[in-house]
Amino acid sequence: MSSPAALFASSLQVPLPPAFKEPGSCKNQIPIASKDVNKAGGFVIQAPGCYMLKGNIIFDPSVSQSTSAITIQSSNVTLNLGGHKLSQLMPQSGGPISGVTANSISSISIMNGSIGDFTGAAIGIQNSNNIVVANLTILNTGLPMANGGLQINDSANILVSQVNAISNFGSGMYLHGVTNATVSNSHFDNNLPGNVAPQFFTTGQVGAGAYIDSSPSTETDTVLVRDSTFNGNSGDSDGGGMEIGIYSLLPVKNVTVVRSTFLNNFNNGIQGLFNDASGLVLLFVTNFLIQDVVASGQRHPGPPGPLLAVAGATGFSINACNNGLIVNGSADNNVGAGYSSLGMRLRGCNNVLVKNSHASGNINTSFGQAFGFSTDNDNYIAFPPVGTSVVFDACVAQNNNSTSGLAGGFKITNVANSTLQYSVSQNNPIGIYVSDANAPTLSFNNVFNGNLVSKNTLYGIQDTVGGSNNAYSDNIAILNGTSPALDNYVGLPAGTPIITWSFTTGFSPTPPNFDPLANLSIVP
């Protein structure tokens, strides 16, 4: 039983950025010493060449009267830190100070050392082309009112490789309006709340390992993130591992994320407009591939904020996205006291296949809901009310629960012409919950085929949508409901189409006799 999404995703081709080569060693190196930087205007590179720090340099803005320690104004430049550290003399008053900046140039490389303790960005590049940032540590940059880390705006053909961006305010990396960007073998961990989106938040409320979005003038297109970590990042009200498309005015296209982790990101319990703790977030992205990615352990310690749709702990949050494939995803142990605790949610999406993925141990510690997989759009006007052609294939949801709210393995709502097949849901309150909280009916023409629901304490499958034409085929229900009762195995509306069904009490060699249709409320 093939669906449009399954057929599409099997042939999905997401373009990758071109291969980059890091620059080789320079024969004629131009030395940069502390005295060259600590002078009026800082150190300005105005000619092509290879430049190398002679030692650790502490930049004193009060001497240079510059907002950047090193400014690159020429194309075809390699800045080699030579294993040394470029830092800012602290404390300082005044506006944000950056380590290295460049604008409107081509073919630059910044590499081999560390940049830290600046009150602004470690590196700020804009309107440039052919950029390599490699083998760098970016540490303790920015302020709660000024975003730090690596910032690249309105630029193309970018390689970020072996960069460790740790404990920066706002984010470890912000790619804003980029095309053909590759991020590999890097770590964006333990970054802190900062002033990422002042149009939405007050100082310090938002933080993530990385943000990638479009700028007002440049649509972000063709981004590859591989073999990297986005762990332990925090925000006062909103904290995440990596968020793509969140603050875009234009959509983002062609994103690939492979072999990366998004672990233990959290918010600090302060209520704000956005009040989430998320691993990997996509919003308004077209054409994406997520493969061999783990998004687990997010924490939301406080009650939800005023906007319930963005007030929980979530591993993967995929929103209003089109044409995507998620393979071998892991979304476990996302826990919080917010509106929801979810392993993976797909809201208002079209043509998306989720395959061979699992979501276990997602727990809500208060009144909120908890599910392994969910398609509920949470009545949020920013998302389409109905997603279409969404397929969950060979997925596993188990041990998801809530202290006092609705909980289960799969929550299927706000989707049409979609499929849940060959999946397992066990040891949840509800195995598969099909609902429609948004009248008129917005969950319809969905197929549930070949699934196993087992040892769920309330229902194996509960479909509350009348007149939906949802259909069930070749599903197996084992040991659901309150033992030894048999009337909670499945709850479906009258007239629900069922092709074949298997009921069993599981492990008893002589199961009791009962009418398997008695608890279905099916009208012949």
Protein backbone atom coordinates (compact mmCIF):
# COMPACT_ATOMS: atom_id res chain seq x y z
CA MET A 1 0.00 0.00 0.00
CA SER A 2 2.00 2.96 -1.30
CA SER A 3 1.15 6.58 -0.60
CA PRO A 4 2.04 9.70 -2.58
CA ALA A 5 4.55 10.72 0.11
CA ALA A 6 6.22 7.33 0.08
CA LEU A 7 6.56 7.39 -3.68
CA PHE A 8 7.83 10.96 -3.64
CA ALA A 9 10.31 10.50 -0.80
CA SER A 10 11.80 7.37 -2.33
CA SER A 11 12.96 9.52 -5.24
CA LEU A 12 13.62 12.72 -3.29
CA GLN A 13 16.82 14.41 -4.40
CA VAL A 14 18.00 17.23 -2.17
CA PRO A 15 20.88 19.12 -3.81
CA LEU A 16 24.13 19.27 -1.86
CA PRO A 17 26.61 22.14 -1.81
CA PRO A 18 29.71 21.72 -3.97
CA ALA A 19 32.75 20.10 -2.39
CA PHE A 20 35.17 22.51 -0.73
CA LYS A 21 38.87 22.22 -0.14
CA GLU A 22 40.53 23.93 2.75
CA PRO A 23 43.43 26.13 1.63
CA GLY A 24 46.92 24.75 1.81
CA SER A 25 49.79 26.27 3.73
CA CYS A 26 51.08 29.64 2.66
CA LYS A 27 54.71 30.08 1.68
CA ASN A 28 54.96 33.80 2.31
CA GLN A 29 53.20 34.64 5.54
CA ILE A 30 52.59 38.18 6.68
CA PRO A 31 52.94 38.31 10.49
CA ILE A 32 50.41 40.00 12.74
CA ALA A 33 51.61 41.04 16.20
CA SER A 34 49.82 42.61 19.13
CA LYS A 35 51.13 46.06 18.26
CA ASP A 36 49.64 45.75 14.78
CA VAL A 37 46.17 45.13 16.18
CA ASN A 38 46.26 47.51 19.12
CA LYS A 39 46.53 50.73 17.17
CA ALA A 40 44.08 53.20 15.75
CA GLY A 41 41.57 51.38 13.58
CA GLY A 42 42.76 47.91 14.57
CA PHE A 43 44.46 45.70 11.95
CA VAL A 44 43.03 46.14 8.45
CA ILE A 45 43.91 43.66 5.68
CA GLN A 46 43.85 45.59 2.41
CA ALA A 47 45.85 43.29 0.11
CA PRO A 48 45.63 39.61 -0.88
CA GLY A 49 47.93 37.20 0.92
CA CYS A 50 48.48 34.88 3.86
CA TYR A 51 48.43 36.48 7.28
CA MET A 52 49.43 34.73 10.53
CA LEU A 53 49.28 35.68 14.18
CA LYS A 54 52.71 35.66 15.81
CA GLY A 55 51.26 34.92 19.24
CA ASN A 56 48.21 35.37 21.45
CA ILE A 57 46.70 38.81 20.96
CA ILE A 58 44.46 40.67 23.40
CA PHE A 59 42.63 43.46 21.63
CA ASP A 60 42.03 46.72 23.50
CA PRO A 61 39.18 48.66 21.83
CA SER A 62 39.92 51.75 23.88
CA VAL A 63 43.27 52.04 22.09
CA SER A 64 42.12 51.27 18.56
CA GLN A 65 38.70 52.96 18.68
CA SER A 66 37.56 50.17 16.33
CA THR A 67 34.62 47.76 16.60
CA SER A 68 36.72 44.94 15.13
CA ALA A 69 40.15 43.64 16.02
CA ILE A 70 40.89 42.51 12.45
CA THR A 71 39.02 43.79 9.40
CA ILE A 72 39.43 42.04 6.05
CA GLN A 73 38.86 44.39 3.13
CA SER A 74 40.60 42.40 0.39
CA SER A 75 39.67 39.25 -1.49
CA ASN A 76 41.97 36.21 -1.67
CA VAL A 77 43.03 36.30 1.97
CA THR A 78 43.97 33.52 4.38
CA LEU A 79 44.02 34.47 8.05
CA ASN A 80 45.87 31.75 9.97
CA LEU A 81 45.79 32.14 13.72
CA GLY A 82 48.71 29.74 14.00
CA GLY A 83 47.26 27.96 17.01
CA HIS A 84 47.03 31.24 18.94
CA LYS A 85 44.11 33.04 20.56
CA LEU A 86 42.61 36.36 19.54
CA SER A 87 40.62 37.88 22.40
CA GLN A 88 39.26 41.15 23.76
CA LEU A 89 40.47 42.95 26.84
CA MET A 90 37.73 42.84 29.42
CA PRO A 91 35.75 44.50 30.86
CA GLN A 92 34.82 47.12 28.31
CA SER A 93 32.02 49.61 28.02
CA GLY A 94 30.36 50.65 24.78
CA GLY A 95 28.90 48.66 21.94
CA PRO A 96 29.68 45.10 20.79
CA ILE A 97 33.23 44.42 19.59
CA SER A 98 33.98 41.67 17.06
CA GLY A 99 37.08 39.60 16.50
CA VAL A 100 37.26 39.37 12.70
CA THR A 101 34.94 41.05 10.18
CA ALA A 102 34.68 41.04 6.38
CA ASN A 103 32.28 42.62 3.92
CA SER A 104 31.79 42.30 0.16
CA ILE A 105 34.87 40.22 -0.63
CA SER A 106 35.65 36.82 -2.15
CA SER A 107 37.85 33.85 -1.27
CA ILE A 108 38.71 34.21 2.41
CA SER A 109 39.81 31.61 4.94
CA ILE A 110 39.97 31.99 8.71
CA MET A 111 41.54 29.04 10.48
CA ASN A 112 43.72 27.32 13.08
CA GLY A 113 43.27 28.87 16.49
CA SER A 114 40.71 30.35 18.85
CA ILE A 115 38.69 33.53 19.09
CA GLY A 116 37.08 34.39 22.40
CA ASP A 117 35.84 36.91 24.92
CA PHE A 118 34.56 39.45 22.40
CA THR A 119 31.38 41.31 23.30
CA GLY A 120 30.08 40.85 19.75
CA ALA A 121 30.60 38.14 17.15
CA ALA A 122 33.83 36.19 17.03
CA ILE A 123 33.58 36.34 13.22
CA GLY A 124 31.16 38.48 11.23
CA ILE A 125 31.04 38.08 7.44
CA GLN A 126 28.52 39.55 5.04
CA ASN A 127 27.93 39.95 1.31
CA SER A 128 30.86 37.67 0.51
CA ASN A 129 31.66 34.58 -1.54
CA ASN A 130 33.90 31.50 -1.16
CA ILE A 131 34.36 31.41 2.60
CA VAL A 132 36.22 28.83 4.68
CA VAL A 133 36.11 28.84 8.49
CA ALA A 134 38.03 25.84 9.78
CA ASN A 135 39.79 24.37 12.80
CA LEU A 136 38.69 27.09 15.17
CA THR A 137 37.43 27.37 18.74
CA ILE A 138 34.93 30.17 19.32
CA LEU A 139 34.44 30.69 23.03
CA ASN A 140 32.59 33.10 25.31
CA THR A 141 31.59 35.72 22.76
CA GLY A 142 28.63 38.07 22.72
CA LEU A 143 26.53 39.46 25.53
CA PRO A 144 22.93 38.90 26.61
CA MET A 145 22.08 41.97 24.50
CA ALA A 146 24.44 41.13 21.59
CA ASN A 147 24.58 37.88 19.65
CA GLY A 148 28.02 36.22 19.56
CA GLY A 149 29.53 33.21 17.80
CA LEU A 150 30.07 32.85 14.04
CA GLN A 151 27.78 35.05 11.94
CA ILE A 152 27.60 34.88 8.13
CA ASN A 153 25.02 37.01 6.32
CA ASP A 154 23.97 37.22 2.65
CA SER A 155 26.88 35.13 1.42
CA ALA A 156 27.53 32.08 -0.77
CA ASN A 157 29.79 29.03 -1.08
CA ILE A 158 30.65 28.48 2.55
CA LEU A 159 32.54 25.76 4.40
CA VAL A 160 32.46 25.58 8.20
CA SER A 161 34.62 22.65 9.30
CA GLN A 162 35.97 21.53 12.67
CA VAL A 163 34.65 24.56 14.48
CA ASN A 164 33.92 24.34 18.20
CA ALA A 165 31.56 27.14 19.18
CA ILE A 166 31.03 26.88 22.93
CA SER A 167 29.40 29.11 25.57
CA ASN A 168 28.54 32.01 23.29
CA PHE A 169 25.57 34.28 23.87
CA GLY A 170 22.66 33.84 21.49
CA SER A 171 24.12 31.09 19.34
CA GLY A 172 27.30 29.36 18.33
CA MET A 173 26.56 30.01 14.65
CA TYR A 174 24.05 32.08 12.69
CA LEU A 175 23.83 31.60 8.91
CA HIS A 176 21.46 34.28 7.61
CA GLY A 177 20.72 34.35 3.89
CA VAL A 178 23.26 31.83 2.58
CA THR A 179 23.55 29.56 -0.45
CA ASN A 180 25.72 26.49 -0.90
CA ALA A 181 26.81 26.12 2.73
CA THR A 182 28.41 23.05 4.32
CA VAL A 183 28.85 22.60 8.07
CA SER A 184 30.83 19.51 9.03
CA ASN A 185 32.57 17.90 11.99
CA SER A 186 31.76 20.81 14.27
CA HIS A 187 30.36 21.35 17.75
CA PHE A 188 27.88 24.03 18.74
CA ASP A 189 27.33 23.20 22.39
CA ASN A 190 26.44 24.88 25.68
CA ASN A 191 25.60 28.24 24.14
CA LEU A 192 23.64 30.75 26.21
CA PRO A 193 20.61 33.05 25.96
CA GLY A 194 21.19 36.14 23.83
CA ASN A 195 19.56 38.84 21.73
CA VAL A 196 18.94 36.74 18.60
CA ALA A 197 15.54 38.14 17.59
CA PRO A 198 14.92 41.48 19.27
CA GLN A 199 11.75 41.91 17.20
CA PHE A 200 10.19 39.08 19.24
CA PHE A 201 12.13 38.84 22.50
CA THR A 202 13.70 40.90 25.19
CA THR A 203 17.36 40.57 26.04
CA GLY A 204 18.62 37.09 26.72
CA GLN A 205 15.46 35.11 26.14
CA VAL A 206 16.58 33.00 23.17
CA GLY A 207 19.53 30.69 22.61
CA ALA A 208 20.53 27.81 20.34
CA GLY A 209 23.55 26.00 19.04
CA ALA A 210 22.84 27.36 15.56
CA TYR A 211 20.27 29.30 13.55
CA ILE A 212 19.93 29.05 9.78
CA ASP A 213 17.37 31.16 7.96
CA SER A 214 16.78 33.43 5.00
CA SER A 215 17.43 37.14 5.14
CA PRO A 216 15.05 39.76 3.75
CA SER A 217 17.14 39.86 0.56
CA THR A 218 18.55 36.31 0.22
CA GLU A 219 16.66 33.02 0.20
CA THR A 220 18.74 30.36 1.92
CA ASP A 221 19.25 27.45 -0.47
CA THR A 222 21.30 24.23 -0.37
CA VAL A 223 22.68 23.64 3.11
CA LEU A 224 24.42 20.48 4.34
CA VAL A 225 24.99 19.83 8.05
CA ARG A 226 26.84 16.62 8.85
CA ASP A 227 28.70 14.91 11.67
CA SER A 228 28.13 17.75 14.12
CA THR A 229 26.69 18.28 17.59
CA PHE A 230 24.20 20.81 18.92
CA ASN A 231 23.97 19.86 22.57
CA GLY A 232 23.28 21.51 25.91
CA ASN A 233 22.22 24.91 24.56
CA SER A 234 19.82 27.08 26.52
CA GLY A 235 17.50 30.05 26.41
CA ASP A 236 15.69 31.82 29.18
CA SER A 237 12.32 31.15 27.54
CA ASP A 238 13.32 29.38 24.30
CA GLY A 239 16.33 27.10 23.88
CA GLY A 240 17.24 24.75 21.04
CA GLY A 241 19.88 22.73 19.29
CA MET A 242 19.48 24.07 15.73
CA GLU A 243 16.57 26.07 14.34
CA ILE A 244 16.14 26.44 10.56
CA GLY A 245 13.81 29.00 9.00
CA ILE A 246 12.47 30.31 12.31
CA TYR A 247 13.04 34.02 11.74
CA SER A 248 12.83 34.02 7.93
CA LEU A 249 10.74 36.32 5.80
CA LEU A 250 11.58 34.06 2.85
CA PRO A 251 11.44 30.24 2.76
CA VAL A 252 14.47 27.96 3.07
CA LYS A 253 15.13 25.27 0.44
CA ASN A 254 17.18 22.11 0.10
CA VAL A 255 18.43 21.24 3.59
CA THR A 256 20.28 18.04 4.48
CA VAL A 257 21.13 17.08 8.08
CA VAL A 258 22.95 13.78 8.62
CA ARG A 259 24.78 11.97 11.42
CA SER A 260 24.34 14.73 13.97
CA THR A 261 23.05 15.03 17.53
CA PHE A 262 20.70 17.49 19.23
CA LEU A 263 20.82 16.54 22.89
CA ASN A 264 19.83 18.05 26.24
CA ASN A 265 18.85 21.51 25.06
CA PHE A 266 16.64 23.39 27.50
CA ASN A 267 14.99 26.59 28.55
CA ASN A 268 15.42 28.18 31.94
CA GLY A 269 11.71 28.25 32.80
CA ILE A 270 11.10 31.92 32.08
CA GLN A 271 7.82 32.52 30.25
CA GLY A 272 7.97 34.38 26.94
CA LEU A 273 6.20 34.55 23.59
CA PHE A 274 8.06 31.41 22.49
CA ASN A 275 8.54 28.98 25.34
CA ASP A 276 10.09 25.87 23.77
CA ALA A 277 12.95 23.52 24.36
CA SER A 278 13.71 21.81 21.04
CA GLY A 279 16.36 19.67 19.43
CA LEU A 280 16.03 20.25 15.66
CA VAL A 281 13.44 22.70 14.32
CA LEU A 282 12.42 23.29 10.69
CA LEU A 283 9.90 25.94 9.64
CA PHE A 284 8.81 26.67 6.05
CA VAL A 285 11.50 24.45 4.55
CA THR A 286 11.02 22.84 1.13
CA ASN A 287 13.00 19.73 0.17
CA PHE A 288 14.81 18.30 3.18
CA LEU A 289 16.58 15.11 4.23
CA ILE A 290 17.21 14.20 7.88
CA GLN A 291 19.08 10.94 8.33
CA ASP A 292 20.78 9.20 11.26
CA VAL A 293 20.01 12.08 13.59
CA VAL A 294 19.34 11.95 17.35
CA ALA A 295 17.18 14.62 19.02
CA SER A 296 16.76 13.50 22.62
CA GLY A 297 16.82 14.79 26.17
CA GLN A 298 15.31 18.26 25.71
CA ARG A 299 14.05 19.79 28.98
CA HIS A 300 11.22 22.27 29.66
CA PRO A 301 11.14 22.73 33.45
CA GLY A 302 8.46 25.40 33.83
CA PRO A 303 4.81 25.86 32.94
CA PRO A 304 3.88 26.86 29.36
CA GLY A 305 3.91 30.42 28.13
CA PRO A 306 0.96 32.24 26.52
CA LEU A 307 1.40 30.64 23.06
CA LEU A 308 0.71 26.96 23.68
CA ALA A 309 1.82 25.84 20.19
CA VAL A 310 5.41 26.71 21.11
CA ALA A 311 5.50 25.80 24.78
CA GLY A 312 6.95 22.34 25.26
CA ALA A 313 9.87 19.93 25.02
CA THR A 314 10.31 18.46 21.52
CA GLY A 315 12.98 16.40 19.82
CA PHE A 316 12.16 17.07 16.14
CA SER A 317 9.79 19.95 15.36
CA ILE A 318 8.95 20.00 11.63
CA ASN A 319 6.48 22.77 10.79
CA ALA A 320 4.78 23.79 7.53
CA CYS A 321 7.44 21.97 5.52
CA ASN A 322 7.14 20.26 2.14
CA ASN A 323 8.83 17.34 0.44
CA GLY A 324 10.94 15.67 3.10
CA LEU A 325 12.43 12.40 4.25
CA ILE A 326 13.34 11.54 7.84
CA VAL A 327 15.19 8.22 8.17
CA ASN A 328 16.63 6.56 11.27
CA GLY A 329 15.65 9.37 13.59
CA SER A 330 15.79 8.96 17.37
CA ALA A 331 13.67 11.18 19.61
CA ASP A 332 13.73 9.90 23.18
CA ASN A 333 13.37 11.28 26.70
CA ASN A 334 12.16 14.77 25.87
CA VAL A 335 10.66 15.82 29.18
CA GLY A 336 8.90 18.89 30.51
CA ALA A 337 6.04 20.56 32.33
CA GLY A 338 4.90 22.60 29.32
CA TYR A 339 1.96 22.20 26.98
CA SER A 340 3.51 19.15 25.28
CA SER A 341 6.39 16.70 25.45
CA LEU A 342 6.94 15.15 22.02
CA GLY A 343 9.50 13.04 20.29
CA MET A 344 8.69 14.14 16.75
CA ARG A 345 5.99 16.46 15.49
CA LEU A 346 4.99 17.26 11.92
CA ARG A 347 2.57 20.18 11.76
CA GLY A 348 0.95 21.32 8.53
CA CYS A 349 3.44 19.38 6.39
CA ASN A 350 3.00 17.92 2.91
CA ASN A 351 4.73 14.97 1.25
CA VAL A 352 6.88 13.83 4.17
CA LEU A 353 8.01 10.27 4.87
CA VAL A 354 9.25 9.27 8.34
CA LYS A 355 10.89 5.87 8.19
CA ASN A 356 12.64 3.56 10.67
CA SER A 357 12.48 6.12 13.46
CA HIS A 358 11.70 5.74 17.14
CA ALA A 359 10.37 7.96 19.91
CA SER A 360 10.40 6.63 23.45
CA GLY A 361 10.20 7.91 27.00
CA ASN A 362 8.85 11.36 26.14
CA ILE A 363 7.20 12.49 29.36
CA ASN A 364 5.08 15.43 30.44
CA THR A 365 5.39 16.03 34.16
CA SER A 366 2.28 18.20 34.44
CA PHE A 367 -1.10 18.48 32.66
CA GLY A 368 0.33 18.64 29.13
CA GLN A 369 0.20 15.99 26.43
CA ALA A 370 3.00 13.55 25.61
CA PHE A 371 3.37 11.53 22.40
CA GLY A 372 6.12 9.83 20.50
CA PHE A 373 4.88 11.12 17.13
CA SER A 374 2.29 13.86 16.56
CA THR A 375 0.72 15.69 13.62
CA ASP A 376 -1.42 18.09 15.65
CA ASN A 377 -1.06 21.71 14.47
CA ASP A 378 -2.16 22.92 17.91
CA ASN A 379 -4.62 25.44 16.40
CA TYR A 380 -1.71 27.72 15.52
CA ILE A 381 -2.63 30.08 12.70
CA ALA A 382 0.96 30.15 11.39
CA PHE A 383 0.64 26.52 10.23
CA PRO A 384 -1.67 25.10 7.56
CA PRO A 385 -4.72 23.53 9.22
CA VAL A 386 -4.29 20.23 7.38
CA GLY A 387 -1.15 18.38 6.32
CA THR A 388 -1.32 15.89 3.46
CA SER A 389 0.55 12.80 2.30
CA VAL A 390 2.43 12.25 5.56
CA VAL A 391 3.69 8.69 6.06
CA PHE A 392 5.04 7.00 9.17
CA ASP A 393 6.63 3.73 8.07
CA ALA A 394 8.25 1.15 10.37
CA CYS A 395 8.42 3.50 13.34
CA VAL A 396 8.38 2.63 17.05
CA ALA A 397 6.77 4.61 19.88
CA GLN A 398 6.92 3.30 23.42
CA ASN A 399 6.85 4.38 27.06
CA ASN A 400 5.51 7.87 26.36
CA ASN A 401 3.35 9.26 29.17
CA SER A 402 1.96 12.28 30.98
CA THR A 403 1.30 12.84 34.67
CA SER A 404 -2.23 14.10 34.08
CA GLY A 405 -2.63 14.82 30.37
CA LEU A 406 -3.34 12.96 27.14
CA ALA A 407 -0.53 10.63 26.11
CA GLY A 408 0.29 7.89 23.65
CA GLY A 409 2.52 6.57 20.93
CA PHE A 410 1.07 8.23 17.80
CA LYS A 411 -1.28 11.24 17.69
CA ILE A 412 -2.76 11.51 14.21
CA THR A 413 -4.77 14.67 13.68
CA ASN A 414 -4.93 17.56 11.19
CA VAL A 415 -3.79 15.30 8.33
CA ALA A 416 -5.48 13.88 5.23
CA ASN A 417 -4.56 11.20 2.71
CA SER A 418 -1.79 10.01 5.02
CA THR A 419 -0.57 6.62 6.23
CA LEU A 420 0.65 4.96 9.41
CA GLN A 421 2.02 1.57 8.48
CA TYR A 422 4.11 -1.32 9.80
CA SER A 423 4.79 0.54 13.03
CA VAL A 424 4.78 -0.47 16.69
CA SER A 425 3.22 1.39 19.59
CA GLN A 426 3.53 -0.17 23.02
CA ASN A 427 3.53 0.60 26.73
CA ASN A 428 1.82 3.96 26.28
CA PRO A 429 -1.61 4.99 27.63
CA ILE A 430 -2.93 4.98 24.03
CA GLY A 431 -1.20 3.20 21.20
CA ILE A 432 -2.61 5.21 18.28
CA TYR A 433 -4.84 8.20 18.98
CA VAL A 434 -6.79 9.61 16.03
CA SER A 435 -8.61 12.82 16.78
CA ASP A 436 -9.91 16.05 15.41
CA ALA A 437 -10.08 18.90 17.88
CA ASN A 438 -10.54 21.41 15.07
CA ALA A 439 -14.03 21.07 13.56
CA PRO A 440 -15.00 20.66 10.78
CA THR A 441 -13.30 17.34 10.22
CA LEU A 442 -9.62 17.83 9.43
CA SER A 443 -8.41 14.23 9.80
CA PHE A 444 -9.73 12.14 6.94
CA ASN A 445 -8.92 9.55 4.28
CA ASN A 446 -6.03 8.19 6.32
CA VAL A 447 -4.90 4.56 6.23
CA PHE A 448 -3.65 2.52 9.19
CA ASN A 449 -2.06 -0.66 7.89
CA GLY A 450 -0.06 -3.49 9.42
CA ASN A 451 0.56 -1.84 12.79
CA LEU A 452 1.11 -3.57 16.13
CA VAL A 453 -0.35 -1.96 19.24
CA SER A 454 0.57 -3.74 22.45
CA LYS A 455 0.34 -3.28 26.22
CA ASN A 456 -1.10 0.23 26.03
CA THR A 457 -2.99 0.87 29.25
CA LEU A 458 -6.11 2.63 27.87
CA TYR A 459 -6.57 1.79 24.19
CA GLY A 460 -4.71 0.06 21.46
CA ILE A 461 -6.28 2.40 18.91
CA GLN A 462 -8.73 5.18 19.68
CA ASP A 463 -10.29 6.93 16.70
CA THR A 464 -12.62 9.73 17.77
CA VAL A 465 -13.32 11.16 14.32
CA GLY A 466 -16.74 10.32 12.92
CA GLY A 467 -17.29 10.40 9.16
CA SER A 468 -13.58 10.62 8.42
CA ASN A 469 -13.30 7.63 6.09
CA ASN A 470 -10.13 6.61 7.93
CA ALA A 471 -9.49 2.95 7.10
CA TYR A 472 -7.82 0.11 9.00
CA SER A 473 -6.15 -2.97 7.52
CA ASP A 474 -4.16 -5.89 8.95
CA ASN A 475 -3.46 -4.33 12.33
CA ILE A 476 -2.73 -6.38 15.45
CA ALA A 477 -3.87 -5.47 18.97
CA ILE A 478 -2.32 -7.35 21.90
CA LEU A 479 -2.88 -6.84 25.64
CA ASN A 480 -4.20 -3.29 25.51
CA GLY A 481 -6.61 -1.84 28.04
CA THR A 482 -7.02 -2.64 31.69
CA SER A 483 -6.45 -6.35 32.21
CA PRO A 484 -8.45 -8.58 32.21
CA ALA A 485 -11.12 -6.48 30.51
CA LEU A 486 -11.42 -6.83 26.75
CA ASP A 487 -13.54 -3.81 25.95
CA ASN A 488 -10.65 -1.32 25.74
CA TYR A 489 -8.59 -2.95 23.06
CA VAL A 490 -9.85 -0.73 20.26
CA GLY A 491 -12.26 2.17 20.11
CA LEU A 492 -13.42 3.21 16.66
CA PRO A 493 -16.43 5.20 15.45
CA ALA A 494 -19.39 3.41 13.99
CA GLY A 495 -18.94 2.59 10.32
CA THR A 496 -15.15 2.72 10.30
CA PRO A 497 -13.86 0.68 7.34
CA ILE A 498 -11.92 -2.38 8.47
CA ILE A 499 -10.52 -4.90 6.03
CA THR A 500 -8.95 -7.44 8.37
CA TRP A 501 -8.06 -7.31 12.04
CA SER A 502 -6.28 -9.54 14.50
CA PHE A 503 -7.17 -9.61 18.19
CA THR A 504 -5.36 -11.68 20.76
CA THR A 505 -4.85 -11.68 24.48
CA GLY A 506 -1.24 -12.41 23.76
CA PHE A 507 0.46 -14.92 25.91
CA SER A 508 -2.25 -17.26 27.17
CA PRO A 509 -2.29 -20.63 25.40
CA THR A 510 -6.09 -20.69 25.67
CA PRO A 511 -7.37 -17.13 25.23
CA PRO A 512 -10.94 -16.56 26.35
CA ASN A 513 -13.70 -16.52 23.82
CA PHE A 514 -15.03 -13.10 22.94
CA ASP A 515 -16.57 -11.30 20.02
CA PRO A 516 -13.77 -9.25 18.41
CA LEU A 517 -16.30 -6.89 16.85
CA ALA A 518 -18.21 -6.13 20.05
CA ASN A 519 -15.85 -3.38 21.11
CA LEU A 520 -15.59 -1.74 17.68
CA SER A 521 -19.07 -0.17 17.45
CA ILE A 522 -19.11 -1.05 13.77
CA VAL A 523 -22.38 -0.85 11.89
CA PRO A 524 -22.47 -3.50 9.12
